[in-house]
Amino acid sequence: MKVLLAEDSRSNQMLILAYVEDVGHEVITVDNGQQAVDAFIQEQPDLVILDVTMPVKDGIQAALEIRRLTLNDDNWVPIIFLSGMSSADDIARGINAGGDDYLIKPVDAVVLGAKLLAMQRIAKMRQQLHKANRRLKMMSVRDGLTGLANRAHFDEVLQKEMYRAMRTETPLSLIIADIDYFKPYNDNYGHQAGDNCLKIVSEVMMNTIKRPGDLTARYGGEEFAFVLPETRIENAAGLAEAVRKAVDGLAIEHAHSSVATNVTLSCGIASIEPHKDQDCDVLIHDLIETADINLYKAKKQGRNKVAMTQVSFSN
């Protein structure tokens, strides 16, 4: 475990350093609160020990800054305060500032060792809990079969991106894609084959639409959706065509399709350039509706095609 020790008294610093190193931990030492904050950012310690009274910036101020840096549980670390006083007010100030425990000087080696062990256990449990929470969050936003974003996450991201597009007055595009004649595929090849087809198609989609900020989602059944921030309609068309060709290139056998002998994809595109004073919910409705209409057009034109239009405003 890497321990950051902030103590302005050289004799106390050397004593605690020896105690901590004796039980097998690495120690970084600093002399004041500002150095502690700087070292915390640079060294990323597993535990922080702060003297309450230090020059430049005291331990309470340093703890408050460190806690602001660790609002995300990814980088949370325990903090132990050191003090020559044992008043209830002193202890309360430290805990309220984000401290997790207290040591009274002069520090006893056995007590320090026990507290280090306890803090190590707490840190480990918090890390395990955070990993479990991250897994649960990932499961809550991912489609169980394909690993793509699920419909709920799609709705959330589309709303967020529409608000952002309104605020910045930048374009936002949406592609809705559908596997052609997927029901006959399922009926004739079986649901297991259908699931495998969805997985393979999803993987090629993720490998094709992979710009930072873009979202690929399973929209429902054999339908997929792509949210493309800051993307004009001509660029969205290029991405849709790339996805369509990639799926066609998989050459997944589909003897019951009226389009080709393999699995194909139809895409409908809508693009919008909103303004700050417009209604977000109305814009989202219009964007989805336009993409759906264009998907229908692509199918009417013979499938395995891309159709698109810009969302227009009545005023």
C-alpha atoms as a PDB file:
ATOM      1  CA  MET A   1       0.000   0.000   0.000  1.00  0.00           C
ATOM      2  CA  LYS A   2       1.273   3.490  -0.888  1.00  0.00           C
ATOM      3  CA  VAL A   3       0.853   5.910   2.041  1.00  0.00           C
ATOM      4  CA  LEU A   4       1.034   9.715   1.791  1.00  0.00           C
ATOM      5  CA  LEU A   5       2.195  11.249   5.089  1.00  0.00           C
ATOM      6  CA  ALA A   6       1.859  15.017   5.655  1.00  0.00           C
ATOM      7  CA  GLU A   7       3.550  16.097   8.910  1.00  0.00           C
ATOM      8  CA  ASP A   8       5.502  19.317   9.467  1.00  0.00           C
ATOM      9  CA  SER A   9       7.406  18.037  12.503  1.00  0.00           C
ATOM     10  CA  ARG A  10      10.534  16.280  11.205  1.00  0.00           C
ATOM     11  CA  SER A  11      10.856  14.078  14.305  1.00  0.00           C
ATOM     12  CA  ASN A  12       7.212  12.928  14.156  1.00  0.00           C
ATOM     13  CA  GLN A  13       7.493  12.440  10.414  1.00  0.00           C
ATOM     14  CA  MET A  14      10.543  10.183  10.730  1.00  0.00           C
ATOM     15  CA  LEU A  15       8.942   8.190  13.571  1.00  0.00           C
ATOM     16  CA  ILE A  16       5.703   7.519  11.675  1.00  0.00           C
ATOM     17  CA  LEU A  17       7.660   6.834   8.481  1.00  0.00           C
ATOM     18  CA  ALA A  18       9.607   4.109  10.289  1.00  0.00           C
ATOM     19  CA  TYR A  19       6.431   2.586  11.779  1.00  0.00           C
ATOM     20  CA  VAL A  20       4.646   2.468   8.408  1.00  0.00           C
ATOM     21  CA  GLU A  21       7.643   1.079   6.518  1.00  0.00           C
ATOM     22  CA  ASP A  22       8.129  -1.573   9.207  1.00  0.00           C
ATOM     23  CA  VAL A  23       4.738  -3.089   8.361  1.00  0.00           C
ATOM     24  CA  GLY A  24       5.616  -3.218   4.655  1.00  0.00           C
ATOM     25  CA  HIS A  25       4.122  -0.076   3.135  1.00  0.00           C
ATOM     26  CA  GLU A  26       5.670   2.514   0.803  1.00  0.00           C
ATOM     27  CA  VAL A  27       5.634   6.073   2.202  1.00  0.00           C
ATOM     28  CA  ILE A  28       5.694   9.484   0.501  1.00  0.00           C
ATOM     29  CA  THR A  29       6.402  12.329   2.949  1.00  0.00           C
ATOM     30  CA  VAL A  30       5.502  16.028   2.635  1.00  0.00           C
ATOM     31  CA  ASP A  31       5.672  18.963   5.050  1.00  0.00           C
ATOM     32  CA  ASN A  32       2.428  20.897   4.540  1.00  0.00           C
ATOM     33  CA  GLY A  33      -1.145  20.663   3.293  1.00  0.00           C
ATOM     34  CA  GLN A  34      -0.522  22.138  -0.142  1.00  0.00           C
ATOM     35  CA  GLN A  35       2.282  19.666  -0.776  1.00  0.00           C
ATOM     36  CA  ALA A  36      -0.114  16.922   0.370  1.00  0.00           C
ATOM     37  CA  VAL A  37      -2.717  17.913  -2.242  1.00  0.00           C
ATOM     38  CA  ASP A  38      -0.069  18.122  -4.971  1.00  0.00           C
ATOM     39  CA  ALA A  39       1.422  14.755  -3.986  1.00  0.00           C
ATOM     40  CA  PHE A  40      -2.038  13.185  -3.854  1.00  0.00           C
ATOM     41  CA  ILE A  41      -2.652  14.182  -7.479  1.00  0.00           C
ATOM     42  CA  GLN A  42       0.788  13.060  -8.654  1.00  0.00           C
ATOM     43  CA  GLU A  43       1.344   9.896  -6.593  1.00  0.00           C
ATOM     44  CA  GLN A  44      -2.232   8.530  -6.294  1.00  0.00           C
ATOM     45  CA  PRO A  45      -1.705   6.998  -2.834  1.00  0.00           C
ATOM     46  CA  ASP A  46      -3.873   4.300  -1.261  1.00  0.00           C
ATOM     47  CA  LEU A  47      -4.017   6.058   2.142  1.00  0.00           C
ATOM     48  CA  VAL A  48      -3.441   9.623   3.373  1.00  0.00           C
ATOM     49  CA  ILE A  49      -2.224  10.579   6.859  1.00  0.00           C
ATOM     50  CA  LEU A  50      -2.607  14.322   7.555  1.00  0.00           C
ATOM     51  CA  ASP A  51      -1.446  16.354  10.518  1.00  0.00           C
ATOM     52  CA  VAL A  52      -4.228  18.771  11.474  1.00  0.00           C
ATOM     53  CA  THR A  53      -1.893  21.728  12.132  1.00  0.00           C
ATOM     54  CA  MET A  54       0.536  22.493   9.294  1.00  0.00           C
ATOM     55  CA  PRO A  55       1.884  25.610   7.542  1.00  0.00           C
ATOM     56  CA  VAL A  56       0.722  26.938   4.141  1.00  0.00           C
ATOM     57  CA  LYS A  57      -2.447  24.822   4.259  1.00  0.00           C
ATOM     58  CA  ASP A  58      -3.619  22.846   7.291  1.00  0.00           C
ATOM     59  CA  GLY A  59      -4.804  19.244   7.293  1.00  0.00           C
ATOM     60  CA  ILE A  60      -8.498  20.171   7.330  1.00  0.00           C
ATOM     61  CA  GLN A  61      -8.144  22.327   4.201  1.00  0.00           C
ATOM     62  CA  ALA A  62      -6.039  19.660   2.499  1.00  0.00           C
ATOM     63  CA  ALA A  63      -8.628  16.975   3.310  1.00  0.00           C
ATOM     64  CA  LEU A  64     -11.434  19.106   1.859  1.00  0.00           C
ATOM     65  CA  GLU A  65      -9.477  19.526  -1.394  1.00  0.00           C
ATOM     66  CA  ILE A  66      -8.620  15.822  -1.566  1.00  0.00           C
ATOM     67  CA  ARG A  67     -12.268  14.891  -1.054  1.00  0.00           C
ATOM     68  CA  ARG A  68     -13.275  17.244  -3.871  1.00  0.00           C
ATOM     69  CA  LEU A  69     -10.810  15.355  -6.055  1.00  0.00           C
ATOM     70  CA  THR A  70     -12.320  12.013  -5.018  1.00  0.00           C
ATOM     71  CA  LEU A  71     -16.031  12.655  -5.517  1.00  0.00           C
ATOM     72  CA  ASN A  72     -15.932   9.717  -7.915  1.00  0.00           C
ATOM     73  CA  ASP A  73     -15.476   6.439  -6.016  1.00  0.00           C
ATOM     74  CA  ASP A  74     -12.902   5.379  -8.622  1.00  0.00           C
ATOM     75  CA  ASN A  75     -10.200   7.283  -6.729  1.00  0.00           C
ATOM     76  CA  TRP A  76     -11.534   7.393  -3.160  1.00  0.00           C
ATOM     77  CA  VAL A  77      -8.876   6.845  -0.477  1.00  0.00           C
ATOM     78  CA  PRO A  78      -9.121   6.761   3.333  1.00  0.00           C
ATOM     79  CA  ILE A  79      -7.777   9.721   5.334  1.00  0.00           C
ATOM     80  CA  ILE A  80      -6.372   9.497   8.877  1.00  0.00           C
ATOM     81  CA  PHE A  81      -5.816  12.706  10.849  1.00  0.00           C
ATOM     82  CA  LEU A  82      -2.943  13.304  13.272  1.00  0.00           C
ATOM     83  CA  SER A  83      -3.327  15.704  16.189  1.00  0.00           C
ATOM     84  CA  GLY A  84      -1.645  16.540  19.461  1.00  0.00           C
ATOM     85  CA  MET A  85      -5.074  17.304  20.915  1.00  0.00           C
ATOM     86  CA  SER A  86      -7.955  14.915  21.533  1.00  0.00           C
ATOM     87  CA  SER A  87     -10.852  17.372  21.885  1.00  0.00           C
ATOM     88  CA  ALA A  88     -14.232  16.297  20.543  1.00  0.00           C
ATOM     89  CA  ASP A  89     -14.438  19.456  18.402  1.00  0.00           C
ATOM     90  CA  ASP A  90     -11.070  18.717  16.813  1.00  0.00           C
ATOM     91  CA  ILE A  91     -12.080  15.161  15.947  1.00  0.00           C
ATOM     92  CA  ALA A  92     -15.477  16.290  14.605  1.00  0.00           C
ATOM     93  CA  ARG A  93     -13.835  18.917  12.358  1.00  0.00           C
ATOM     94  CA  GLY A  94     -11.566  16.268  10.878  1.00  0.00           C
ATOM     95  CA  ILE A  95     -14.335  13.751  10.233  1.00  0.00           C
ATOM     96  CA  ASN A  96     -16.612  16.449   8.752  1.00  0.00           C
ATOM     97  CA  ALA A  97     -13.795  17.473   6.399  1.00  0.00           C
ATOM     98  CA  GLY A  98     -13.685  13.944   4.982  1.00  0.00           C
ATOM     99  CA  GLY A  99     -11.451  12.122   7.440  1.00  0.00           C
ATOM    100  CA  ASP A 100     -12.098   8.488   8.279  1.00  0.00           C
ATOM    101  CA  ASP A 101     -10.113   8.080  11.506  1.00  0.00           C
ATOM    102  CA  TYR A 102      -7.953   9.920  14.032  1.00  0.00           C
ATOM    103  CA  LEU A 103      -4.565   9.331  15.672  1.00  0.00           C
ATOM    104  CA  ILE A 104      -3.398  11.213  18.751  1.00  0.00           C
ATOM    105  CA  LYS A 105       0.282  12.159  18.973  1.00  0.00           C
ATOM    106  CA  PRO A 106       2.597  10.752  20.130  1.00  0.00           C
ATOM    107  CA  VAL A 107       1.601   7.907  17.838  1.00  0.00           C
ATOM    108  CA  ASP A 108       1.687   4.369  19.197  1.00  0.00           C
ATOM    109  CA  ALA A 109       3.123   1.854  16.705  1.00  0.00           C
ATOM    110  CA  VAL A 110       0.595  -0.879  17.555  1.00  0.00           C
ATOM    111  CA  VAL A 111      -2.390   1.476  17.241  1.00  0.00           C
ATOM    112  CA  LEU A 112      -1.047   2.880  13.961  1.00  0.00           C
ATOM    113  CA  GLY A 113      -0.548  -0.626  12.551  1.00  0.00           C
ATOM    114  CA  ALA A 114      -4.097  -1.610  13.511  1.00  0.00           C
ATOM    115  CA  LYS A 115      -5.572   1.512  11.913  1.00  0.00           C
ATOM    116  CA  LEU A 116      -3.569   0.977   8.723  1.00  0.00           C
ATOM    117  CA  LEU A 117      -4.923  -2.566   8.492  1.00  0.00           C
ATOM    118  CA  ALA A 118      -8.487  -1.373   9.126  1.00  0.00           C
ATOM    119  CA  MET A 119      -8.225   1.371   6.487  1.00  0.00           C
ATOM    120  CA  GLN A 120      -6.749  -1.113   4.007  1.00  0.00           C
ATOM    121  CA  ARG A 121      -9.749  -3.388   4.533  1.00  0.00           C
ATOM    122  CA  ILE A 122     -12.198  -0.498   4.122  1.00  0.00           C
ATOM    123  CA  ALA A 123     -10.490   0.673   0.931  1.00  0.00           C
ATOM    124  CA  LYS A 124     -10.569  -2.852  -0.503  1.00  0.00           C
ATOM    125  CA  MET A 125     -14.262  -3.281   0.329  1.00  0.00           C
ATOM    126  CA  ARG A 126     -15.110   0.083  -1.239  1.00  0.00           C
ATOM    127  CA  GLN A 127     -13.193  -0.848  -4.391  1.00  0.00           C
ATOM    128  CA  GLN A 128     -15.048  -4.163  -4.616  1.00  0.00           C
ATOM    129  CA  LEU A 129     -18.376  -2.413  -4.060  1.00  0.00           C
ATOM    130  CA  HIS A 130     -17.559   0.183  -6.708  1.00  0.00           C
ATOM    131  CA  LYS A 131     -16.620  -2.537  -9.228  1.00  0.00           C
ATOM    132  CA  ALA A 132     -19.893  -4.342  -8.497  1.00  0.00           C
ATOM    133  CA  ASN A 133     -21.847  -1.102  -8.927  1.00  0.00           C
ATOM    134  CA  ARG A 134     -20.078  -0.417 -12.224  1.00  0.00           C
ATOM    135  CA  ARG A 135     -20.998  -3.912 -13.448  1.00  0.00           C
ATOM    136  CA  LEU A 136     -24.625  -3.344 -12.426  1.00  0.00           C
ATOM    137  CA  LYS A 137     -24.683   0.049 -14.153  1.00  0.00           C
ATOM    138  CA  MET A 138     -23.201  -1.505 -17.290  1.00  0.00           C
ATOM    139  CA  MET A 139     -25.864  -4.225 -17.206  1.00  0.00           C
ATOM    140  CA  SER A 140     -28.588  -1.584 -16.788  1.00  0.00           C
ATOM    141  CA  VAL A 141     -27.579   0.270 -19.979  1.00  0.00           C
ATOM    142  CA  ARG A 142     -26.585  -2.696 -22.175  1.00  0.00           C
ATOM    143  CA  ASP A 143     -28.687  -5.081 -24.206  1.00  0.00           C
ATOM    144  CA  GLY A 144     -28.157  -8.562 -22.802  1.00  0.00           C
ATOM    145  CA  LEU A 145     -27.901 -10.317 -26.169  1.00  0.00           C
ATOM    146  CA  THR A 146     -25.822  -7.956 -28.294  1.00  0.00           C
ATOM    147  CA  GLY A 147     -23.886  -5.879 -25.765  1.00  0.00           C
ATOM    148  CA  LEU A 148     -25.051  -2.695 -27.495  1.00  0.00           C
ATOM    149  CA  ALA A 149     -26.727   0.130 -25.604  1.00  0.00           C
ATOM    150  CA  ASN A 150     -30.322  -0.789 -24.759  1.00  0.00           C
ATOM    151  CA  ARG A 151     -33.438   1.226 -25.627  1.00  0.00           C
ATOM    152  CA  ALA A 152     -33.575   2.994 -22.257  1.00  0.00           C
ATOM    153  CA  HIS A 153     -29.974   4.166 -22.603  1.00  0.00           C
ATOM    154  CA  PHE A 154     -30.632   5.209 -26.194  1.00  0.00           C
ATOM    155  CA  ASP A 155     -33.535   7.393 -25.034  1.00  0.00           C
ATOM    156  CA  GLU A 156     -31.377   8.936 -22.308  1.00  0.00           C
ATOM    157  CA  VAL A 157     -28.443   9.678 -24.629  1.00  0.00           C
ATOM    158  CA  LEU A 158     -30.644  11.040 -27.419  1.00  0.00           C
ATOM    159  CA  GLN A 159     -32.263  13.499 -25.005  1.00  0.00           C
ATOM    160  CA  LYS A 160     -28.876  14.584 -23.642  1.00  0.00           C
ATOM    161  CA  GLU A 161     -27.454  15.052 -27.134  1.00  0.00           C
ATOM    162  CA  MET A 162     -30.525  16.951 -28.316  1.00  0.00           C
ATOM    163  CA  TYR A 163     -30.199  19.388 -25.412  1.00  0.00           C
ATOM    164  CA  ARG A 164     -26.525  19.795 -26.255  1.00  0.00           C
ATOM    165  CA  ALA A 165     -27.264  20.330 -29.954  1.00  0.00           C
ATOM    166  CA  MET A 166     -29.851  22.978 -29.013  1.00  0.00           C
ATOM    167  CA  ARG A 167     -27.426  24.742 -26.688  1.00  0.00           C
ATOM    168  CA  THR A 168     -24.564  24.753 -29.202  1.00  0.00           C
ATOM    169  CA  GLU A 169     -26.800  24.953 -32.300  1.00  0.00           C
ATOM    170  CA  THR A 170     -24.908  22.100 -33.945  1.00  0.00           C
ATOM    171  CA  PRO A 171     -26.311  19.267 -36.110  1.00  0.00           C
ATOM    172  CA  LEU A 172     -27.490  15.953 -34.687  1.00  0.00           C
ATOM    173  CA  SER A 173     -28.176  12.921 -36.864  1.00  0.00           C
ATOM    174  CA  LEU A 174     -29.993   9.662 -36.218  1.00  0.00           C
ATOM    175  CA  ILE A 175     -29.843   6.403 -38.175  1.00  0.00           C
ATOM    176  CA  ILE A 176     -32.457   3.699 -37.633  1.00  0.00           C
ATOM    177  CA  ALA A 177     -31.518   0.412 -39.302  1.00  0.00           C
ATOM    178  CA  ASP A 178     -33.435  -2.821 -39.722  1.00  0.00           C
ATOM    179  CA  ILE A 179     -32.298  -6.292 -40.805  1.00  0.00           C
ATOM    180  CA  ASP A 180     -34.223  -7.151 -43.961  1.00  0.00           C
ATOM    181  CA  TYR A 181     -36.649 -10.095 -43.751  1.00  0.00           C
ATOM    182  CA  PHE A 182     -35.495 -11.063 -40.281  1.00  0.00           C
ATOM    183  CA  LYS A 183     -38.747 -12.852 -39.369  1.00  0.00           C
ATOM    184  CA  PRO A 184     -38.370 -15.353 -42.247  1.00  0.00           C
ATOM    185  CA  TYR A 185     -34.744 -15.788 -41.143  1.00  0.00           C
ATOM    186  CA  ASN A 186     -35.860 -16.671 -37.608  1.00  0.00           C
ATOM    187  CA  ASP A 187     -38.704 -18.870 -38.808  1.00  0.00           C
ATOM    188  CA  ASN A 188     -36.514 -20.923 -41.144  1.00  0.00           C
ATOM    189  CA  TYR A 189     -33.134 -21.024 -39.400  1.00  0.00           C
ATOM    190  CA  GLY A 190     -34.383 -21.035 -35.803  1.00  0.00           C
ATOM    191  CA  HIS A 191     -34.177 -18.539 -32.937  1.00  0.00           C
ATOM    192  CA  GLN A 192     -30.671 -19.594 -31.937  1.00  0.00           C
ATOM    193  CA  ALA A 193     -29.428 -18.785 -35.425  1.00  0.00           C
ATOM    194  CA  GLY A 194     -31.395 -15.538 -35.257  1.00  0.00           C
ATOM    195  CA  ASP A 195     -29.684 -14.583 -31.993  1.00  0.00           C
ATOM    196  CA  ASN A 196     -26.282 -15.410 -33.477  1.00  0.00           C
ATOM    197  CA  CYS A 197     -27.094 -13.268 -36.500  1.00  0.00           C
ATOM    198  CA  LEU A 198     -27.997 -10.315 -34.244  1.00  0.00           C
ATOM    199  CA  LYS A 199     -24.737 -10.721 -32.317  1.00  0.00           C
ATOM    200  CA  ILE A 200     -22.598 -10.827 -35.471  1.00  0.00           C
ATOM    201  CA  VAL A 201     -24.374  -7.843 -37.025  1.00  0.00           C
ATOM    202  CA  SER A 202     -24.048  -5.892 -33.755  1.00  0.00           C
ATOM    203  CA  GLU A 203     -20.325  -6.557 -33.612  1.00  0.00           C
ATOM    204  CA  VAL A 204     -19.738  -5.261 -37.129  1.00  0.00           C
ATOM    205  CA  MET A 205     -21.830  -2.185 -36.297  1.00  0.00           C
ATOM    206  CA  MET A 206     -19.704  -1.448 -33.231  1.00  0.00           C
ATOM    207  CA  ASN A 207     -16.563  -1.842 -35.329  1.00  0.00           C
ATOM    208  CA  THR A 208     -17.905   0.509 -38.005  1.00  0.00           C
ATOM    209  CA  ILE A 209     -19.495   3.289 -35.900  1.00  0.00           C
ATOM    210  CA  LYS A 210     -16.769   3.903 -33.348  1.00  0.00           C
ATOM    211  CA  ARG A 211     -16.187   7.647 -33.170  1.00  0.00           C
ATOM    212  CA  PRO A 212     -16.036   9.055 -29.626  1.00  0.00           C
ATOM    213  CA  GLY A 213     -19.474  10.382 -28.721  1.00  0.00           C
ATOM    214  CA  ASP A 214     -21.450   8.221 -31.171  1.00  0.00           C
ATOM    215  CA  LEU A 215     -23.895   5.681 -29.739  1.00  0.00           C
ATOM    216  CA  THR A 216     -24.884   2.340 -31.251  1.00  0.00           C
ATOM    217  CA  ALA A 217     -28.017   0.838 -29.688  1.00  0.00           C
ATOM    218  CA  ARG A 218     -30.378  -2.054 -30.120  1.00  0.00           C
ATOM    219  CA  TYR A 219     -33.606  -0.199 -30.777  1.00  0.00           C
ATOM    220  CA  GLY A 220     -35.854  -3.243 -30.534  1.00  0.00           C
ATOM    221  CA  GLY A 221     -35.964  -6.731 -32.062  1.00  0.00           C
ATOM    222  CA  GLU A 222     -33.933  -6.571 -35.276  1.00  0.00           C
ATOM    223  CA  GLU A 223     -33.831  -2.752 -35.291  1.00  0.00           C
ATOM    224  CA  PHE A 224     -30.762  -0.704 -34.415  1.00  0.00           C
ATOM    225  CA  ALA A 225     -30.190   3.004 -33.880  1.00  0.00           C
ATOM    226  CA  PHE A 226     -27.151   5.258 -34.102  1.00  0.00           C
ATOM    227  CA  VAL A 227     -26.990   8.649 -32.381  1.00  0.00           C
ATOM    228  CA  LEU A 228     -24.459  10.857 -34.168  1.00  0.00           C
ATOM    229  CA  PRO A 229     -23.719  14.200 -32.464  1.00  0.00           C
ATOM    230  CA  GLU A 230     -22.261  17.078 -34.487  1.00  0.00           C
ATOM    231  CA  THR A 231     -22.885  15.129 -37.691  1.00  0.00           C
ATOM    232  CA  ARG A 232     -24.442  16.585 -40.821  1.00  0.00           C
ATOM    233  CA  ILE A 233     -26.731  14.497 -43.003  1.00  0.00           C
ATOM    234  CA  GLU A 234     -24.113  13.817 -45.703  1.00  0.00           C
ATOM    235  CA  ASN A 235     -21.685  12.445 -43.108  1.00  0.00           C
ATOM    236  CA  ALA A 236     -24.437  10.373 -41.493  1.00  0.00           C
ATOM    237  CA  ALA A 237     -25.209   8.964 -44.951  1.00  0.00           C
ATOM    238  CA  GLY A 238     -21.585   7.915 -45.336  1.00  0.00           C
ATOM    239  CA  LEU A 239     -21.659   6.116 -41.992  1.00  0.00           C
ATOM    240  CA  ALA A 240     -24.978   4.416 -42.776  1.00  0.00           C
ATOM    241  CA  GLU A 241     -23.647   3.239 -46.124  1.00  0.00           C
ATOM    242  CA  ALA A 242     -20.509   1.905 -44.418  1.00  0.00           C
ATOM    243  CA  VAL A 243     -22.653  -0.088 -41.966  1.00  0.00           C
ATOM    244  CA  ARG A 244     -24.918  -1.376 -44.745  1.00  0.00           C
ATOM    245  CA  LYS A 245     -21.917  -2.547 -46.782  1.00  0.00           C
ATOM    246  CA  ALA A 246     -20.263  -4.111 -43.737  1.00  0.00           C
ATOM    247  CA  VAL A 247     -23.384  -6.163 -42.954  1.00  0.00           C
ATOM    248  CA  ASP A 248     -23.725  -7.165 -46.609  1.00  0.00           C
ATOM    249  CA  GLY A 249     -20.066  -8.168 -46.584  1.00  0.00           C
ATOM    250  CA  LEU A 250     -20.628 -10.595 -43.720  1.00  0.00           C
ATOM    251  CA  ALA A 251     -22.318 -12.877 -46.270  1.00  0.00           C
ATOM    252  CA  ILE A 252     -24.575 -14.492 -43.650  1.00  0.00           C
ATOM    253  CA  GLU A 253     -26.703 -16.943 -45.618  1.00  0.00           C
ATOM    254  CA  HIS A 254     -30.377 -15.955 -45.962  1.00  0.00           C
ATOM    255  CA  ALA A 255     -32.070 -18.133 -48.584  1.00  0.00           C
ATOM    256  CA  HIS A 256     -35.497 -16.751 -47.620  1.00  0.00           C
ATOM    257  CA  SER A 257     -34.761 -13.095 -48.388  1.00  0.00           C
ATOM    258  CA  SER A 258     -36.278 -11.450 -51.464  1.00  0.00           C
ATOM    259  CA  VAL A 259     -33.337  -9.031 -51.662  1.00  0.00           C
ATOM    260  CA  ALA A 260     -30.246 -11.225 -51.761  1.00  0.00           C
ATOM    261  CA  THR A 261     -28.962 -14.637 -50.767  1.00  0.00           C
ATOM    262  CA  ASN A 262     -27.456 -13.162 -47.600  1.00  0.00           C
ATOM    263  CA  VAL A 263     -28.514 -10.970 -44.670  1.00  0.00           C
ATOM    264  CA  THR A 264     -28.888  -7.282 -45.615  1.00  0.00           C
ATOM    265  CA  LEU A 265     -29.726  -4.025 -43.884  1.00  0.00           C
ATOM    266  CA  SER A 266     -31.988  -1.068 -44.642  1.00  0.00           C
ATOM    267  CA  CYS A 267     -31.297   2.349 -43.077  1.00  0.00           C
ATOM    268  CA  GLY A 268     -33.342   5.492 -42.522  1.00  0.00           C
ATOM    269  CA  ILE A 269     -31.525   8.723 -41.663  1.00  0.00           C
ATOM    270  CA  ALA A 270     -32.744  11.977 -40.167  1.00  0.00           C
ATOM    271  CA  SER A 271     -30.643  15.023 -39.373  1.00  0.00           C
ATOM    272  CA  ILE A 272     -31.579  18.150 -37.475  1.00  0.00           C
ATOM    273  CA  GLU A 273     -29.998  21.513 -36.736  1.00  0.00           C
ATOM    274  CA  PRO A 274     -31.948  22.780 -33.714  1.00  0.00           C
ATOM    275  CA  HIS A 275     -32.030  26.173 -32.025  1.00  0.00           C
ATOM    276  CA  LYS A 276     -31.909  27.120 -28.350  1.00  0.00           C
ATOM    277  CA  ASP A 277     -35.536  28.237 -28.116  1.00  0.00           C
ATOM    278  CA  GLN A 278     -37.124  25.034 -29.470  1.00  0.00           C
ATOM    279  CA  ASP A 279     -38.898  22.263 -27.547  1.00  0.00           C
ATOM    280  CA  CYS A 280     -36.552  19.316 -26.944  1.00  0.00           C
ATOM    281  CA  ASP A 281     -39.303  16.668 -26.761  1.00  0.00           C
ATOM    282  CA  VAL A 282     -40.837  17.856 -30.033  1.00  0.00           C
ATOM    283  CA  LEU A 283     -37.441  17.810 -31.740  1.00  0.00           C
ATOM    284  CA  ILE A 284     -36.745  14.258 -30.542  1.00  0.00           C
ATOM    285  CA  HIS A 285     -40.168  13.129 -31.774  1.00  0.00           C
ATOM    286  CA  ASP A 286     -39.589  14.745 -35.176  1.00  0.00           C
ATOM    287  CA  LEU A 287     -36.092  13.269 -35.504  1.00  0.00           C
ATOM    288  CA  ILE A 288     -37.221   9.711 -34.710  1.00  0.00           C
ATOM    289  CA  GLU A 289     -40.335  10.005 -36.867  1.00  0.00           C
ATOM    290  CA  THR A 290     -38.303  11.267 -39.839  1.00  0.00           C
ATOM    291  CA  ALA A 291     -35.746   8.460 -39.475  1.00  0.00           C
ATOM    292  CA  ASP A 292     -38.602   5.918 -39.286  1.00  0.00           C
ATOM    293  CA  ILE A 293     -40.234   7.349 -42.412  1.00  0.00           C
ATOM    294  CA  ASN A 294     -36.932   7.113 -44.258  1.00  0.00           C
ATOM    295  CA  LEU A 295     -36.427   3.527 -43.099  1.00  0.00           C
ATOM    296  CA  TYR A 296     -39.854   2.743 -44.573  1.00  0.00           C
ATOM    297  CA  LYS A 297     -38.792   4.482 -47.818  1.00  0.00           C
ATOM    298  CA  ALA A 298     -35.613   2.402 -47.996  1.00  0.00           C
ATOM    299  CA  LYS A 299     -37.698  -0.746 -47.671  1.00  0.00           C
ATOM    300  CA  LYS A 300     -40.221   0.416 -50.289  1.00  0.00           C
ATOM    301  CA  GLN A 301     -37.333   1.114 -52.676  1.00  0.00           C
ATOM    302  CA  GLY A 302     -36.296  -2.547 -52.523  1.00  0.00           C
ATOM    303  CA  ARG A 303     -34.422  -2.846 -49.178  1.00  0.00           C
ATOM    304  CA  ASN A 304     -30.668  -3.083 -48.641  1.00  0.00           C
ATOM    305  CA  LYS A 305     -30.699   0.689 -49.183  1.00  0.00           C
ATOM    306  CA  VAL A 306     -30.239   3.995 -47.348  1.00  0.00           C
ATOM    307  CA  ALA A 307     -32.842   6.791 -47.430  1.00  0.00           C
ATOM    308  CA  MET A 308     -32.506  10.197 -45.765  1.00  0.00           C
ATOM    309  CA  THR A 309     -33.996  13.654 -45.269  1.00  0.00           C
ATOM    310  CA  GLN A 310     -33.293  16.719 -43.186  1.00  0.00           C
ATOM    311  CA  VAL A 311     -35.857  17.513 -40.474  1.00  0.00           C
ATOM    312  CA  SER A 312     -37.627  20.698 -41.525  1.00  0.00           C
ATOM    313  CA  PHE A 313     -39.329  23.226 -39.253  1.00  0.00           C
ATOM    314  CA  SER A 314     -42.675  24.816 -39.977  1.00  0.00           C
ATOM    315  CA  ASN A 315     -41.561  28.175 -38.604  1.00  0.00           C
END
